[in-house]
Amino acid sequence: MSGATLDYYNDSISLRVIEALADATDTAPNELDPLYNTIDPEALDQLFRPDSSDEIRVTFEYGDSHVEIRGDGTVVVDGTVHDGR
């Protein structure tokens, strides 16, 4: 499975995380608990910018799911790489 990378000009990492969580849990994005209840979405968007290091990784738990965000913009939920929509 190939990794999805972030289009920094048309997308934000926080939106990609929400889309990946929705896909992983088979839930509509607007039906998920707000991401800000778990992690600061604005901080994620600031951390994962075009000039950010590929070595950055953030991991956190969202409900029963383990989320990993890689410096290249790849979002992994419970070990599965989720492509952007």
C-alpha atoms as a PDB file:
ATOM      1  CA  MET A   1       0.000   0.000   0.000  1.00  0.00           C
ATOM      2  CA  SER A   2       1.452   3.341  -0.979  1.00  0.00           C
ATOM      3  CA  GLY A   3       1.525   6.331   1.352  1.00  0.00           C
ATOM      4  CA  ALA A   4      -0.577   9.418   0.701  1.00  0.00           C
ATOM      5  CA  THR A   5       1.188  12.729   0.873  1.00  0.00           C
ATOM      6  CA  LEU A   6      -0.267  16.072   1.781  1.00  0.00           C
ATOM      7  CA  ASP A   7      -1.037  18.702  -0.855  1.00  0.00           C
ATOM      8  CA  TYR A   8       0.040  21.614   1.348  1.00  0.00           C
ATOM      9  CA  TYR A   9      -1.630  24.206  -0.862  1.00  0.00           C
ATOM     10  CA  ASN A  10      -5.124  22.699  -0.995  1.00  0.00           C
ATOM     11  CA  ASP A  11      -5.463  20.702   2.182  1.00  0.00           C
ATOM     12  CA  SER A  12      -4.611  20.776   5.857  1.00  0.00           C
ATOM     13  CA  ILE A  13      -3.270  17.886   7.856  1.00  0.00           C
ATOM     14  CA  SER A  14      -6.089  18.225  10.387  1.00  0.00           C
ATOM     15  CA  LEU A  15      -8.663  17.728   7.602  1.00  0.00           C
ATOM     16  CA  ARG A  16      -6.705  14.728   6.334  1.00  0.00           C
ATOM     17  CA  VAL A  17      -6.768  13.229   9.841  1.00  0.00           C
ATOM     18  CA  ILE A  18     -10.542  13.683  10.058  1.00  0.00           C
ATOM     19  CA  GLU A  19     -11.016  12.069   6.638  1.00  0.00           C
ATOM     20  CA  ALA A  20      -8.782   9.148   7.611  1.00  0.00           C
ATOM     21  CA  LEU A  21     -10.613   8.635  10.912  1.00  0.00           C
ATOM     22  CA  ALA A  22     -13.972   8.772   9.142  1.00  0.00           C
ATOM     23  CA  ASP A  23     -12.778   6.170   6.648  1.00  0.00           C
ATOM     24  CA  ALA A  24     -11.284   3.930   9.335  1.00  0.00           C
ATOM     25  CA  THR A  25     -14.395   4.015  11.510  1.00  0.00           C
ATOM     26  CA  ASP A  26     -16.919   4.021   8.652  1.00  0.00           C
ATOM     27  CA  THR A  27     -18.414   7.222  10.069  1.00  0.00           C
ATOM     28  CA  ALA A  28     -19.321  10.468   8.336  1.00  0.00           C
ATOM     29  CA  PRO A  29     -16.720  13.150   9.149  1.00  0.00           C
ATOM     30  CA  ASN A  30     -19.373  15.452  10.644  1.00  0.00           C
ATOM     31  CA  GLU A  31     -20.504  12.661  12.988  1.00  0.00           C
ATOM     32  CA  LEU A  32     -17.071  12.196  14.597  1.00  0.00           C
ATOM     33  CA  ASP A  33     -16.252  13.737  17.947  1.00  0.00           C
ATOM     34  CA  PRO A  34     -14.413  16.999  17.292  1.00  0.00           C
ATOM     35  CA  LEU A  35     -10.696  16.491  16.750  1.00  0.00           C
ATOM     36  CA  TYR A  36      -9.957  19.373  19.126  1.00  0.00           C
ATOM     37  CA  ASN A  37     -11.250  17.250  22.011  1.00  0.00           C
ATOM     38  CA  THR A  38      -8.162  15.079  21.501  1.00  0.00           C
ATOM     39  CA  ILE A  39      -5.484  17.250  19.893  1.00  0.00           C
ATOM     40  CA  ASP A  40      -5.149  20.864  18.755  1.00  0.00           C
ATOM     41  CA  PRO A  41      -5.884  20.877  14.981  1.00  0.00           C
ATOM     42  CA  GLU A  42      -4.339  24.321  14.489  1.00  0.00           C
ATOM     43  CA  ALA A  43      -1.112  23.155  16.120  1.00  0.00           C
ATOM     44  CA  LEU A  44      -1.035  20.150  13.766  1.00  0.00           C
ATOM     45  CA  ASP A  45      -1.521  22.407  10.748  1.00  0.00           C
ATOM     46  CA  GLN A  46       1.322  24.657  11.922  1.00  0.00           C
ATOM     47  CA  LEU A  47       3.623  21.728  12.631  1.00  0.00           C
ATOM     48  CA  PHE A  48       3.057  20.024   9.263  1.00  0.00           C
ATOM     49  CA  ARG A  49       3.939  22.795   6.832  1.00  0.00           C
ATOM     50  CA  PRO A  50       5.789  22.626   3.495  1.00  0.00           C
ATOM     51  CA  ASP A  51       9.085  23.514   5.159  1.00  0.00           C
ATOM     52  CA  SER A  52       8.701  20.951   7.958  1.00  0.00           C
ATOM     53  CA  SER A  53      11.164  18.138   8.375  1.00  0.00           C
ATOM     54  CA  ASP A  54      10.219  14.707   7.031  1.00  0.00           C
ATOM     55  CA  GLU A  55      11.461  13.348  10.367  1.00  0.00           C
ATOM     56  CA  ILE A  56       8.536  14.828  12.328  1.00  0.00           C
ATOM     57  CA  ARG A  57       6.023  12.304  13.639  1.00  0.00           C
ATOM     58  CA  VAL A  58       3.010  12.839  15.835  1.00  0.00           C
ATOM     59  CA  THR A  59       1.052   9.971  17.341  1.00  0.00           C
ATOM     60  CA  PHE A  60      -2.064  10.108  19.465  1.00  0.00           C
ATOM     61  CA  GLU A  61      -5.103   8.108  20.445  1.00  0.00           C
ATOM     62  CA  TYR A  62      -8.512   9.142  19.140  1.00  0.00           C
ATOM     63  CA  GLY A  63     -11.178   7.025  20.805  1.00  0.00           C
ATOM     64  CA  ASP A  64     -10.140   3.439  20.119  1.00  0.00           C
ATOM     65  CA  SER A  65      -7.918   4.407  17.170  1.00  0.00           C
ATOM     66  CA  HIS A  66      -4.169   4.977  17.076  1.00  0.00           C
ATOM     67  CA  VAL A  67      -3.256   7.844  14.720  1.00  0.00           C
ATOM     68  CA  GLU A  68       0.186   8.566  13.314  1.00  0.00           C
ATOM     69  CA  ILE A  69       1.055  11.577  11.174  1.00  0.00           C
ATOM     70  CA  ARG A  70       4.380  11.531   9.362  1.00  0.00           C
ATOM     71  CA  GLY A  71       6.439  14.501   8.253  1.00  0.00           C
ATOM     72  CA  ASP A  72       5.690  13.848   4.588  1.00  0.00           C
ATOM     73  CA  GLY A  73       1.958  14.268   5.307  1.00  0.00           C
ATOM     74  CA  THR A  74       1.105  10.570   5.458  1.00  0.00           C
ATOM     75  CA  VAL A  75      -1.762   9.756   7.840  1.00  0.00           C
ATOM     76  CA  VAL A  76      -1.925   6.268   9.333  1.00  0.00           C
ATOM     77  CA  VAL A  77      -4.854   5.041  11.430  1.00  0.00           C
ATOM     78  CA  ASP A  78      -4.474   1.717  13.222  1.00  0.00           C
ATOM     79  CA  GLY A  79      -1.606   0.732  10.921  1.00  0.00           C
ATOM     80  CA  THR A  80      -3.454   1.506   7.681  1.00  0.00           C
ATOM     81  CA  VAL A  81      -2.313   4.315   5.389  1.00  0.00           C
ATOM     82  CA  HIS A  82      -5.257   6.437   4.264  1.00  0.00           C
ATOM     83  CA  ASP A  83      -5.216   8.167   0.918  1.00  0.00           C
ATOM     84  CA  GLY A  84      -6.540  11.700   0.603  1.00  0.00           C
ATOM     85  CA  ARG A  85      -9.855  12.211  -1.117  1.00  0.00           C
END
